[in-house]
Amino acid sequence: GYTWRLEDENGEFLSLVTRPVSLRVIPPGHDPFDYALTHA
């Protein structure tokens, strides 16, 4: 699961999103964290 929070250059909140990435969709041999980072 990942959550990203984005802010502008003044520290003002822009967006917050949480998403899951199932291990079943991660191709064999790929690092799960690298795959989730690409997804995010």
PDB file of all heavy atoms in Angstrom:
ATOM      1  N   GLY A   1       0.848  -1.181   0.000  1.00  0.00           N
ATOM      2  CA  GLY A   1       0.000   0.000   0.000  1.00  0.00           C
ATOM      3  C   GLY A   1       0.883   1.229   0.000  1.00  0.00           C
ATOM      4  O   GLY A   1       1.964   1.224   0.588  1.00  0.00           O
ATOM      5  N   TYR A   2       0.457   2.263  -0.714  1.00  0.00           N
ATOM      6  CA  TYR A   2       1.233   3.494  -0.697  1.00  0.00           C
ATOM      7  C   TYR A   2       0.316   4.687  -0.528  1.00  0.00           C
ATOM      8  O   TYR A   2      -0.855   4.662  -0.881  1.00  0.00           O
ATOM      9  CB  TYR A   2       2.116   3.645  -1.936  1.00  0.00           C
ATOM     10  CG  TYR A   2       1.385   3.794  -3.249  1.00  0.00           C
ATOM     11  CD1 TYR A   2       0.856   5.017  -3.655  1.00  0.00           C
ATOM     12  CD2 TYR A   2       1.243   2.710  -4.106  1.00  0.00           C
ATOM     13  CE1 TYR A   2       0.205   5.153  -4.868  1.00  0.00           C
ATOM     14  CE2 TYR A   2       0.601   2.833  -5.312  1.00  0.00           C
ATOM     15  CZ  TYR A   2       0.081   4.063  -5.697  1.00  0.00           C
ATOM     16  OH  TYR A   2      -0.566   4.189  -6.887  1.00  0.00           O
ATOM     17  N   THR A   3       0.887   5.732   0.048  1.00  0.00           N
ATOM     18  CA  THR A   3       0.190   7.007   0.217  1.00  0.00           C
ATOM     19  C   THR A   3       1.131   8.105  -0.226  1.00  0.00           C
ATOM     20  O   THR A   3       2.288   8.139   0.192  1.00  0.00           O
ATOM     21  CB  THR A   3      -0.185   7.236   1.702  1.00  0.00           C
ATOM     22  OG1 THR A   3      -1.037   6.181   2.121  1.00  0.00           O
ATOM     23  CG2 THR A   3      -0.900   8.566   1.886  1.00  0.00           C
ATOM     24  N   TRP A   4       0.637   8.981  -1.110  1.00  0.00           N
ATOM     25  CA  TRP A   4       1.444  10.138  -1.470  1.00  0.00           C
ATOM     26  C   TRP A   4       0.737  11.410  -1.069  1.00  0.00           C
ATOM     27  O   TRP A   4      -0.468  11.516  -1.126  1.00  0.00           O
ATOM     28  CB  TRP A   4       1.861  10.158  -2.929  1.00  0.00           C
ATOM     29  CG  TRP A   4       0.859   9.924  -4.004  1.00  0.00           C
ATOM     30  CD1 TRP A   4       0.597   8.736  -4.613  1.00  0.00           C
ATOM     31  CD2 TRP A   4       0.020  10.885  -4.666  1.00  0.00           C
ATOM     32  NE1 TRP A   4      -0.342   8.897  -5.595  1.00  0.00           N
ATOM     33  CE2 TRP A   4      -0.713  10.211  -5.654  1.00  0.00           C
ATOM     34  CE3 TRP A   4      -0.183  12.249  -4.527  1.00  0.00           C
ATOM     35  CZ2 TRP A   4      -1.633  10.845  -6.482  1.00  0.00           C
ATOM     36  CZ3 TRP A   4      -1.103  12.892  -5.349  1.00  0.00           C
ATOM     37  CH2 TRP A   4      -1.807  12.190  -6.312  1.00  0.00           C
ATOM     38  N   ARG A   5       1.543  12.344  -0.575  1.00  0.00           N
ATOM     39  CA  ARG A   5       1.067  13.665  -0.179  1.00  0.00           C
ATOM     40  C   ARG A   5       1.937  14.691  -0.893  1.00  0.00           C
ATOM     41  O   ARG A   5       3.164  14.639  -0.810  1.00  0.00           O
ATOM     42  CB  ARG A   5       1.184  13.849   1.328  1.00  0.00           C
ATOM     43  CG  ARG A   5       0.746  15.226   1.784  1.00  0.00           C
ATOM     44  CD  ARG A   5       0.975  15.442   3.264  1.00  0.00           C
ATOM     45  NE  ARG A   5       0.807  16.835   3.612  1.00  0.00           N
ATOM     46  CZ  ARG A   5      -0.326  17.387   4.015  1.00  0.00           C
ATOM     47  NH1 ARG A   5      -1.406  16.643   4.144  1.00  0.00           N
ATOM     48  NH2 ARG A   5      -0.401  18.669   4.299  1.00  0.00           N
ATOM     49  N   LEU A   6       1.284  15.606  -1.593  1.00  0.00           N
ATOM     50  CA  LEU A   6       2.002  16.618  -2.364  1.00  0.00           C
ATOM     51  C   LEU A   6       1.703  18.009  -1.810  1.00  0.00           C
ATOM     52  O   LEU A   6       0.567  18.295  -1.411  1.00  0.00           O
ATOM     53  CB  LEU A   6       1.598  16.555  -3.835  1.00  0.00           C
ATOM     54  CG  LEU A   6       1.746  15.198  -4.520  1.00  0.00           C
ATOM     55  CD1 LEU A   6       1.283  15.290  -5.964  1.00  0.00           C
ATOM     56  CD2 LEU A   6       3.165  14.691  -4.437  1.00  0.00           C
ATOM     57  N   GLU A   7       2.728  18.862  -1.812  1.00  0.00           N
ATOM     58  CA  GLU A   7       2.603  20.245  -1.357  1.00  0.00           C
ATOM     59  C   GLU A   7       3.270  21.159  -2.372  1.00  0.00           C
ATOM     60  O   GLU A   7       4.226  20.751  -3.046  1.00  0.00           O
ATOM     61  CB  GLU A   7       3.279  20.427  -0.004  1.00  0.00           C
ATOM     62  CG  GLU A   7       2.664  19.590   1.092  1.00  0.00           C
ATOM     63  CD  GLU A   7       3.413  19.732   2.408  1.00  0.00           C
ATOM     64  OE1 GLU A   7       4.523  20.304   2.416  1.00  0.00           O
ATOM     65  OE2 GLU A   7       2.873  19.261   3.426  1.00  0.00           O
ATOM     66  N   ASP A   8       2.791  22.406  -2.460  1.00  0.00           N
ATOM     67  CA  ASP A   8       3.447  23.356  -3.355  1.00  0.00           C
ATOM     68  C   ASP A   8       4.706  23.896  -2.683  1.00  0.00           C
ATOM     69  O   ASP A   8       5.037  23.529  -1.552  1.00  0.00           O
ATOM     70  CB  ASP A   8       2.497  24.464  -3.804  1.00  0.00           C
ATOM     71  CG  ASP A   8       2.110  25.445  -2.718  1.00  0.00           C
ATOM     72  OD1 ASP A   8       2.708  25.419  -1.621  1.00  0.00           O
ATOM     73  OD2 ASP A   8       1.195  26.252  -2.952  1.00  0.00           O
ATOM     74  N   GLU A   9       5.403  24.767  -3.383  1.00  0.00           N
ATOM     75  CA  GLU A   9       6.687  25.263  -2.872  1.00  0.00           C
ATOM     76  C   GLU A   9       6.546  26.103  -1.607  1.00  0.00           C
ATOM     77  O   GLU A   9       7.518  26.341  -0.900  1.00  0.00           O
ATOM     78  CB  GLU A   9       7.419  26.048  -3.959  1.00  0.00           C
ATOM     79  CG  GLU A   9       6.609  27.164  -4.543  1.00  0.00           C
ATOM     80  CD  GLU A   9       7.156  27.672  -5.859  1.00  0.00           C
ATOM     81  OE1 GLU A   9       8.227  27.237  -6.290  1.00  0.00           O
ATOM     82  OE2 GLU A   9       6.494  28.522  -6.464  1.00  0.00           O
ATOM     83  N   ASN A  10       5.324  26.542  -1.271  1.00  0.00           N
ATOM     84  CA  ASN A  10       5.064  27.299  -0.053  1.00  0.00           C
ATOM     85  C   ASN A  10       4.579  26.408   1.087  1.00  0.00           C
ATOM     86  O   ASN A  10       4.200  26.903   2.140  1.00  0.00           O
ATOM     87  CB  ASN A  10       4.044  28.404  -0.314  1.00  0.00           C
ATOM     88  CG  ASN A  10       4.530  29.391  -1.354  1.00  0.00           C
ATOM     89  OD1 ASN A  10       5.686  29.803  -1.320  1.00  0.00           O
ATOM     90  ND2 ASN A  10       3.670  29.737  -2.293  1.00  0.00           N
ATOM     91  N   GLY A  11       4.534  25.094   0.848  1.00  0.00           N
ATOM     92  CA  GLY A  11       4.084  24.158   1.866  1.00  0.00           C
ATOM     93  C   GLY A  11       2.582  23.980   1.926  1.00  0.00           C
ATOM     94  O   GLY A  11       2.064  23.309   2.812  1.00  0.00           O
ATOM     95  N   GLU A  12       1.857  24.552   0.962  1.00  0.00           N
ATOM     96  CA  GLU A  12       0.395  24.423   0.921  1.00  0.00           C
ATOM     97  C   GLU A  12       0.004  23.047   0.381  1.00  0.00           C
ATOM     98  O   GLU A  12       0.517  22.597  -0.637  1.00  0.00           O
ATOM     99  CB  GLU A  12      -0.204  25.510   0.042  1.00  0.00           C
ATOM    100  CG  GLU A  12      -1.711  25.532   0.048  1.00  0.00           C
ATOM    101  CD  GLU A  12      -2.275  26.680  -0.787  1.00  0.00           C
ATOM    102  OE1 GLU A  12      -1.657  27.751  -0.842  1.00  0.00           O
ATOM    103  OE2 GLU A  12      -3.347  26.466  -1.397  1.00  0.00           O
ATOM    104  N   PHE A  13      -0.908  22.389   1.074  1.00  0.00           N
ATOM    105  CA  PHE A  13      -1.385  21.064   0.688  1.00  0.00           C
ATOM    106  C   PHE A  13      -2.011  21.092  -0.705  1.00  0.00           C
ATOM    107  O   PHE A  13      -2.806  21.962  -1.029  1.00  0.00           O
ATOM    108  CB  PHE A  13      -2.419  20.581   1.709  1.00  0.00           C
ATOM    109  CG  PHE A  13      -3.119  19.323   1.308  1.00  0.00           C
ATOM    110  CD1 PHE A  13      -2.519  18.097   1.456  1.00  0.00           C
ATOM    111  CD2 PHE A  13      -4.396  19.375   0.763  1.00  0.00           C
ATOM    112  CE1 PHE A  13      -3.166  16.930   1.075  1.00  0.00           C
ATOM    113  CE2 PHE A  13      -5.055  18.219   0.380  1.00  0.00           C
ATOM    114  CZ  PHE A  13      -4.430  17.001   0.538  1.00  0.00           C
ATOM    115  N   LEU A  14      -1.653  20.107  -1.536  1.00  0.00           N
ATOM    116  CA  LEU A  14      -2.231  19.971  -2.870  1.00  0.00           C
ATOM    117  C   LEU A  14      -3.067  18.702  -3.010  1.00  0.00           C
ATOM    118  O   LEU A  14      -4.162  18.750  -3.540  1.00  0.00           O
ATOM    119  CB  LEU A  14      -1.135  19.976  -3.939  1.00  0.00           C
ATOM    120  CG  LEU A  14      -0.328  21.260  -4.085  1.00  0.00           C
ATOM    121  CD1 LEU A  14       0.806  21.052  -5.078  1.00  0.00           C
ATOM    122  CD2 LEU A  14      -1.224  22.408  -4.515  1.00  0.00           C
ATOM    123  N   SER A  15      -2.540  17.559  -2.561  1.00  0.00           N
ATOM    124  CA  SER A  15      -3.251  16.314  -2.783  1.00  0.00           C
ATOM    125  C   SER A  15      -2.725  15.211  -1.875  1.00  0.00           C
ATOM    126  O   SER A  15      -1.548  15.194  -1.517  1.00  0.00           O
ATOM    127  CB  SER A  15      -3.090  15.894  -4.241  1.00  0.00           C
ATOM    128  OG  SER A  15      -3.811  14.720  -4.499  1.00  0.00           O
ATOM    129  N   LEU A  16      -3.629  14.273  -1.557  1.00  0.00           N
ATOM    130  CA  LEU A  16      -3.286  13.092  -0.764  1.00  0.00           C
ATOM    131  C   LEU A  16      -4.052  11.919  -1.349  1.00  0.00           C
ATOM    132  O   LEU A  16      -5.272  11.993  -1.517  1.00  0.00           O
ATOM    133  CB  LEU A  16      -3.683  13.292   0.700  1.00  0.00           C
ATOM    134  CG  LEU A  16      -3.504  12.088   1.613  1.00  0.00           C
ATOM    135  CD1 LEU A  16      -2.033  11.929   1.968  1.00  0.00           C
ATOM    136  CD2 LEU A  16      -4.328  12.270   2.873  1.00  0.00           C
ATOM    137  N   VAL A  17      -3.349  10.846  -1.697  1.00  0.00           N
ATOM    138  CA  VAL A  17      -3.971   9.665  -2.297  1.00  0.00           C
ATOM    139  C   VAL A  17      -3.353   8.414  -1.679  1.00  0.00           C
ATOM    140  O   VAL A  17      -2.147   8.351  -1.467  1.00  0.00           O
ATOM    141  CB  VAL A  17      -3.777   9.647  -3.834  1.00  0.00           C
ATOM    142  CG1 VAL A  17      -4.236   8.335  -4.436  1.00  0.00           C
ATOM    143  CG2 VAL A  17      -4.494  10.818  -4.478  1.00  0.00           C
ATOM    144  N   THR A  18      -4.192   7.419  -1.397  1.00  0.00           N
ATOM    145  CA  THR A  18      -3.743   6.122  -0.906  1.00  0.00           C
ATOM    146  C   THR A  18      -4.237   5.047  -1.867  1.00  0.00           C
ATOM    147  O   THR A  18      -5.404   5.060  -2.260  1.00  0.00           O
ATOM    148  CB  THR A  18      -4.296   5.851   0.508  1.00  0.00           C
ATOM    149  OG1 THR A  18      -3.813   6.867   1.381  1.00  0.00           O
ATOM    150  CG2 THR A  18      -3.857   4.491   1.021  1.00  0.00           C
ATOM    151  N   ARG A  19      -3.342   4.133  -2.253  1.00  0.00           N
ATOM    152  CA  ARG A  19      -3.684   3.066  -3.183  1.00  0.00           C
ATOM    153  C   ARG A  19      -2.993   1.759  -2.777  1.00  0.00           C
ATOM    154  O   ARG A  19      -1.891   1.771  -2.268  1.00  0.00           O
ATOM    155  CB  ARG A  19      -3.215   3.391  -4.597  1.00  0.00           C
ATOM    156  CG  ARG A  19      -3.835   4.611  -5.218  1.00  0.00           C
ATOM    157  CD  ARG A  19      -5.107   4.253  -5.930  1.00  0.00           C
ATOM    158  NE  ARG A  19      -5.590   5.375  -6.701  1.00  0.00           N
ATOM    159  CZ  ARG A  19      -6.539   6.201  -6.302  1.00  0.00           C
ATOM    160  NH1 ARG A  19      -7.083   6.045  -5.133  1.00  0.00           N
ATOM    161  NH2 ARG A  19      -6.940   7.190  -7.066  1.00  0.00           N
ATOM    162  N   PRO A  20      -3.633   0.622  -3.099  1.00  0.00           N
ATOM    163  CA  PRO A  20      -2.976  -0.672  -2.918  1.00  0.00           C
ATOM    164  C   PRO A  20      -2.417  -1.195  -4.242  1.00  0.00           C
ATOM    165  O   PRO A  20      -2.921  -0.855  -5.314  1.00  0.00           O
ATOM    166  CB  PRO A  20      -4.120  -1.568  -2.452  1.00  0.00           C
ATOM    167  CG  PRO A  20      -5.304  -1.019  -3.194  1.00  0.00           C
ATOM    168  CD  PRO A  20      -5.071   0.481  -3.282  1.00  0.00           C
ATOM    169  N   VAL A  21      -1.372  -1.997  -4.164  1.00  0.00           N
ATOM    170  CA  VAL A  21      -0.850  -2.727  -5.317  1.00  0.00           C
ATOM    171  C   VAL A  21      -0.752  -4.187  -4.884  1.00  0.00           C
ATOM    172  O   VAL A  21       0.030  -4.529  -4.001  1.00  0.00           O
ATOM    173  CB  VAL A  21       0.536  -2.212  -5.758  1.00  0.00           C
ATOM    174  CG1 VAL A  21       1.065  -3.031  -6.929  1.00  0.00           C
ATOM    175  CG2 VAL A  21       0.482  -0.738  -6.116  1.00  0.00           C
ATOM    176  N   SER A  22      -1.558  -5.028  -5.492  1.00  0.00           N
ATOM    177  CA  SER A  22      -1.575  -6.445  -5.148  1.00  0.00           C
ATOM    178  C   SER A  22      -0.292  -7.127  -5.603  1.00  0.00           C
ATOM    179  O   SER A  22       0.236  -6.834  -6.682  1.00  0.00           O
ATOM    180  CB  SER A  22      -2.778  -7.121  -5.807  1.00  0.00           C
ATOM    181  OG  SER A  22      -2.712  -8.521  -5.631  1.00  0.00           O
ATOM    182  N   LEU A  23       0.198  -8.043  -4.792  1.00  0.00           N
ATOM    183  CA  LEU A  23       1.384  -8.809  -5.185  1.00  0.00           C
ATOM    184  C   LEU A  23       1.120  -9.650  -6.432  1.00  0.00           C
ATOM    185  O   LEU A  23       2.050  -9.992  -7.159  1.00  0.00           O
ATOM    186  CB  LEU A  23       1.849  -9.705  -4.034  1.00  0.00           C
ATOM    187  CG  LEU A  23       2.433  -8.978  -2.823  1.00  0.00           C
ATOM    188  CD1 LEU A  23       2.781  -9.976  -1.720  1.00  0.00           C
ATOM    189  CD2 LEU A  23       3.658  -8.153  -3.189  1.00  0.00           C
ATOM    190  N   ARG A  24      -0.153  -9.951  -6.710  1.00  0.00           N
ATOM    191  CA  ARG A  24      -0.492 -10.767  -7.885  1.00  0.00           C
ATOM    192  C   ARG A  24      -0.234 -10.041  -9.197  1.00  0.00           C
ATOM    193  O   ARG A  24      -0.048 -10.685 -10.227  1.00  0.00           O
ATOM    194  CB  ARG A  24      -1.951 -11.202  -7.820  1.00  0.00           C
ATOM    195  CG  ARG A  24      -2.204 -12.216  -6.717  1.00  0.00           C
ATOM    196  CD  ARG A  24      -3.628 -12.635  -6.699  1.00  0.00           C
ATOM    197  NE  ARG A  24      -4.415 -11.511  -6.186  1.00  0.00           N
ATOM    198  CZ  ARG A  24      -5.722 -11.484  -6.094  1.00  0.00           C
ATOM    199  NH1 ARG A  24      -6.428 -12.508  -6.508  1.00  0.00           N
ATOM    200  NH2 ARG A  24      -6.348 -10.458  -5.595  1.00  0.00           N
ATOM    201  N   VAL A  25      -0.226  -8.705  -9.194  1.00  0.00           N
ATOM    202  CA  VAL A  25      -0.015  -7.972 -10.443  1.00  0.00           C
ATOM    203  C   VAL A  25       1.453  -7.615 -10.682  1.00  0.00           C
ATOM    204  O   VAL A  25       1.807  -7.143 -11.754  1.00  0.00           O
ATOM    205  CB  VAL A  25      -0.876  -6.684 -10.511  1.00  0.00           C
ATOM    206  CG1 VAL A  25      -2.343  -7.005 -10.382  1.00  0.00           C
ATOM    207  CG2 VAL A  25      -0.447  -5.676  -9.462  1.00  0.00           C
ATOM    208  N   ILE A  26       2.294  -7.861  -9.690  1.00  0.00           N
ATOM    209  CA  ILE A  26       3.716  -7.551  -9.831  1.00  0.00           C
ATOM    210  C   ILE A  26       4.382  -8.693 -10.600  1.00  0.00           C
ATOM    211  O   ILE A  26       4.306  -9.850 -10.199  1.00  0.00           O
ATOM    212  CB  ILE A  26       4.375  -7.352  -8.453  1.00  0.00           C
ATOM    213  CG1 ILE A  26       3.699  -6.174  -7.741  1.00  0.00           C
ATOM    214  CG2 ILE A  26       5.875  -7.125  -8.600  1.00  0.00           C
ATOM    215  CD1 ILE A  26       4.126  -5.979  -6.308  1.00  0.00           C
ATOM    216  N   PRO A  27       5.005  -8.385 -11.732  1.00  0.00           N
ATOM    217  CA  PRO A  27       5.630  -9.441 -12.544  1.00  0.00           C
ATOM    218  C   PRO A  27       6.709 -10.189 -11.766  1.00  0.00           C
ATOM    219  O   PRO A  27       7.428  -9.592 -10.959  1.00  0.00           O
ATOM    220  CB  PRO A  27       6.246  -8.673 -13.719  1.00  0.00           C
ATOM    221  CG  PRO A  27       5.526  -7.370 -13.764  1.00  0.00           C
ATOM    222  CD  PRO A  27       5.153  -7.062 -12.346  1.00  0.00           C
ATOM    223  N   PRO A  28       6.839 -11.489 -12.010  1.00  0.00           N
ATOM    224  CA  PRO A  28       7.881 -12.277 -11.342  1.00  0.00           C
ATOM    225  C   PRO A  28       9.262 -11.681 -11.602  1.00  0.00           C
ATOM    226  O   PRO A  28       9.559 -11.225 -12.710  1.00  0.00           O
ATOM    227  CB  PRO A  28       7.762 -13.657 -11.981  1.00  0.00           C
ATOM    228  CG  PRO A  28       6.384 -13.702 -12.555  1.00  0.00           C
ATOM    229  CD  PRO A  28       6.033 -12.293 -12.923  1.00  0.00           C
ATOM    230  N   GLY A  29      10.067 -11.663 -10.574  1.00  0.00           N
ATOM    231  CA  GLY A  29      11.421 -11.149 -10.708  1.00  0.00           C
ATOM    232  C   GLY A  29      11.566  -9.655 -10.483  1.00  0.00           C
ATOM    233  O   GLY A  29      12.673  -9.144 -10.433  1.00  0.00           O
ATOM    234  N   HIS A  30      10.456  -8.931 -10.382  1.00  0.00           N
ATOM    235  CA  HIS A  30      10.510  -7.492 -10.143  1.00  0.00           C
ATOM    236  C   HIS A  30      10.474  -7.212  -8.643  1.00  0.00           C
ATOM    237  O   HIS A  30       9.770  -7.885  -7.893  1.00  0.00           O
ATOM    238  CB  HIS A  30       9.334  -6.778 -10.814  1.00  0.00           C
ATOM    239  CG  HIS A  30       9.489  -6.634 -12.281  1.00  0.00           C
ATOM    240  ND1 HIS A  30       9.258  -7.671 -13.159  1.00  0.00           N
ATOM    241  CD2 HIS A  30       9.855  -5.588 -13.029  1.00  0.00           C
ATOM    242  CE1 HIS A  30       9.468  -7.256 -14.382  1.00  0.00           C
ATOM    243  NE2 HIS A  30       9.838  -5.987 -14.332  1.00  0.00           N
ATOM    244  N   ASP A  31      11.208  -6.198  -8.224  1.00  0.00           N
ATOM    245  CA  ASP A  31      11.165  -5.780  -6.831  1.00  0.00           C
ATOM    246  C   ASP A  31       9.791  -5.156  -6.559  1.00  0.00           C
ATOM    247  O   ASP A  31       9.379  -4.241  -7.277  1.00  0.00           O
ATOM    248  CB  ASP A  31      12.264  -4.751  -6.556  1.00  0.00           C
ATOM    249  CG  ASP A  31      12.220  -4.257  -5.136  1.00  0.00           C
ATOM    250  OD1 ASP A  31      12.729  -4.960  -4.249  1.00  0.00           O
ATOM    251  OD2 ASP A  31      11.656  -3.166  -4.910  1.00  0.00           O
ATOM    252  N   PRO A  32       9.063  -5.634  -5.550  1.00  0.00           N
ATOM    253  CA  PRO A  32       7.721  -5.113  -5.284  1.00  0.00           C
ATOM    254  C   PRO A  32       7.697  -3.621  -4.977  1.00  0.00           C
ATOM    255  O   PRO A  32       6.786  -2.911  -5.395  1.00  0.00           O
ATOM    256  CB  PRO A  32       7.242  -5.921  -4.075  1.00  0.00           C
ATOM    257  CG  PRO A  32       8.109  -7.115  -4.011  1.00  0.00           C
ATOM    258  CD  PRO A  32       9.397  -6.753  -4.666  1.00  0.00           C
ATOM    259  N   PHE A  33       8.716  -3.135  -4.271  1.00  0.00           N
ATOM    260  CA  PHE A  33       8.746  -1.707  -3.949  1.00  0.00           C
ATOM    261  C   PHE A  33       9.016  -0.855  -5.186  1.00  0.00           C
ATOM    262  O   PHE A  33       8.418   0.202  -5.362  1.00  0.00           O
ATOM    263  CB  PHE A  33       9.779  -1.420  -2.856  1.00  0.00           C
ATOM    264  CG  PHE A  33       9.308  -1.798  -1.484  1.00  0.00           C
ATOM    265  CD1 PHE A  33       9.752  -2.958  -0.891  1.00  0.00           C
ATOM    266  CD2 PHE A  33       8.407  -1.002  -0.791  1.00  0.00           C
ATOM    267  CE1 PHE A  33       9.320  -3.320   0.377  1.00  0.00           C
ATOM    268  CE2 PHE A  33       7.959  -1.355   0.471  1.00  0.00           C
ATOM    269  CZ  PHE A  33       8.418  -2.509   1.059  1.00  0.00           C
ATOM    270  N   ASP A  34       9.914  -1.297  -6.050  1.00  0.00           N
ATOM    271  CA  ASP A  34      10.178  -0.549  -7.284  1.00  0.00           C
ATOM    272  C   ASP A  34       8.942  -0.522  -8.173  1.00  0.00           C
ATOM    273  O   ASP A  34       8.623   0.501  -8.787  1.00  0.00           O
ATOM    274  CB  ASP A  34      11.362  -1.152  -8.043  1.00  0.00           C
ATOM    275  CG  ASP A  34      12.692  -0.854  -7.374  1.00  0.00           C
ATOM    276  OD1 ASP A  34      12.778   0.116  -6.593  1.00  0.00           O
ATOM    277  OD2 ASP A  34      13.661  -1.602  -7.643  1.00  0.00           O
ATOM    278  N   TYR A  35       8.240  -1.641  -8.247  1.00  0.00           N
ATOM    279  CA  TYR A  35       7.010  -1.695  -9.041  1.00  0.00           C
ATOM    280  C   TYR A  35       5.962  -0.746  -8.456  1.00  0.00           C
ATOM    281  O   TYR A  35       5.306  -0.001  -9.192  1.00  0.00           O
ATOM    282  CB  TYR A  35       6.470  -3.123  -9.092  1.00  0.00           C
ATOM    283  CG  TYR A  35       5.315  -3.285 -10.046  1.00  0.00           C
ATOM    284  CD1 TYR A  35       5.532  -3.554 -11.392  1.00  0.00           C
ATOM    285  CD2 TYR A  35       4.002  -3.147  -9.608  1.00  0.00           C
ATOM    286  CE1 TYR A  35       4.478  -3.691 -12.278  1.00  0.00           C
ATOM    287  CE2 TYR A  35       2.940  -3.284 -10.489  1.00  0.00           C
ATOM    288  CZ  TYR A  35       3.189  -3.550 -11.818  1.00  0.00           C
ATOM    289  OH  TYR A  35       2.131  -3.675 -12.690  1.00  0.00           O
ATOM    290  N   ALA A  36       5.811  -0.746  -7.128  1.00  0.00           N
ATOM    291  CA  ALA A  36       4.843   0.138  -6.474  1.00  0.00           C
ATOM    292  C   ALA A  36       5.229   1.602  -6.661  1.00  0.00           C
ATOM    293  O   ALA A  36       4.352   2.461  -6.834  1.00  0.00           O
ATOM    294  CB  ALA A  36       4.722  -0.207  -4.998  1.00  0.00           C
ATOM    295  N   LEU A  37       6.525   1.914  -6.659  1.00  0.00           N
ATOM    296  CA  LEU A  37       6.968   3.291  -6.898  1.00  0.00           C
ATOM    297  C   LEU A  37       6.591   3.726  -8.307  1.00  0.00           C
ATOM    298  O   LEU A  37       6.074   4.829  -8.511  1.00  0.00           O
ATOM    299  CB  LEU A  37       8.478   3.416  -6.679  1.00  0.00           C
ATOM    300  CG  LEU A  37       9.086   4.788  -6.980  1.00  0.00           C
ATOM    301  CD1 LEU A  37       8.451   5.888  -6.136  1.00  0.00           C
ATOM    302  CD2 LEU A  37      10.598   4.755  -6.780  1.00  0.00           C
ATOM    303  N   THR A  38       6.819   2.864  -9.291  1.00  0.00           N
ATOM    304  CA  THR A  38       6.423   3.179 -10.666  1.00  0.00           C
ATOM    305  C   THR A  38       4.916   3.405 -10.757  1.00  0.00           C
ATOM    306  O   THR A  38       4.450   4.327 -11.426  1.00  0.00           O
ATOM    307  CB  THR A  38       6.851   2.033 -11.606  1.00  0.00           C
ATOM    308  OG1 THR A  38       8.260   1.860 -11.509  1.00  0.00           O
ATOM    309  CG2 THR A  38       6.479   2.322 -13.044  1.00  0.00           C
ATOM    310  N   HIS A  39       4.151   2.576 -10.065  1.00  0.00           N
ATOM    311  CA  HIS A  39       2.692   2.694 -10.020  1.00  0.00           C
ATOM    312  C   HIS A  39       2.288   4.045  -9.419  1.00  0.00           C
ATOM    313  O   HIS A  39       1.401   4.734  -9.930  1.00  0.00           O
ATOM    314  CB  HIS A  39       2.133   1.533  -9.194  1.00  0.00           C
ATOM    315  CG  HIS A  39       0.662   1.353  -9.274  1.00  0.00           C
ATOM    316  ND1 HIS A  39      -0.217   2.044  -8.474  1.00  0.00           N
ATOM    317  CD2 HIS A  39      -0.090   0.542 -10.048  1.00  0.00           C
ATOM    318  CE1 HIS A  39      -1.443   1.672  -8.744  1.00  0.00           C
ATOM    319  NE2 HIS A  39      -1.393   0.750  -9.712  1.00  0.00           N
ATOM    320  N   ALA A  40       2.939   4.445  -8.333  1.00  0.00           N
ATOM    321  CA  ALA A  40       2.624   5.713  -7.667  1.00  0.00           C
ATOM    322  C   ALA A  40       2.966   6.907  -8.554  1.00  0.00           C
ATOM    323  O   ALA A  40       2.165   7.848  -8.672  1.00  0.00           O
ATOM    324  CB  ALA A  40       3.375   5.803  -6.341  1.00  0.00           C
TER     325      ALA A  40
END
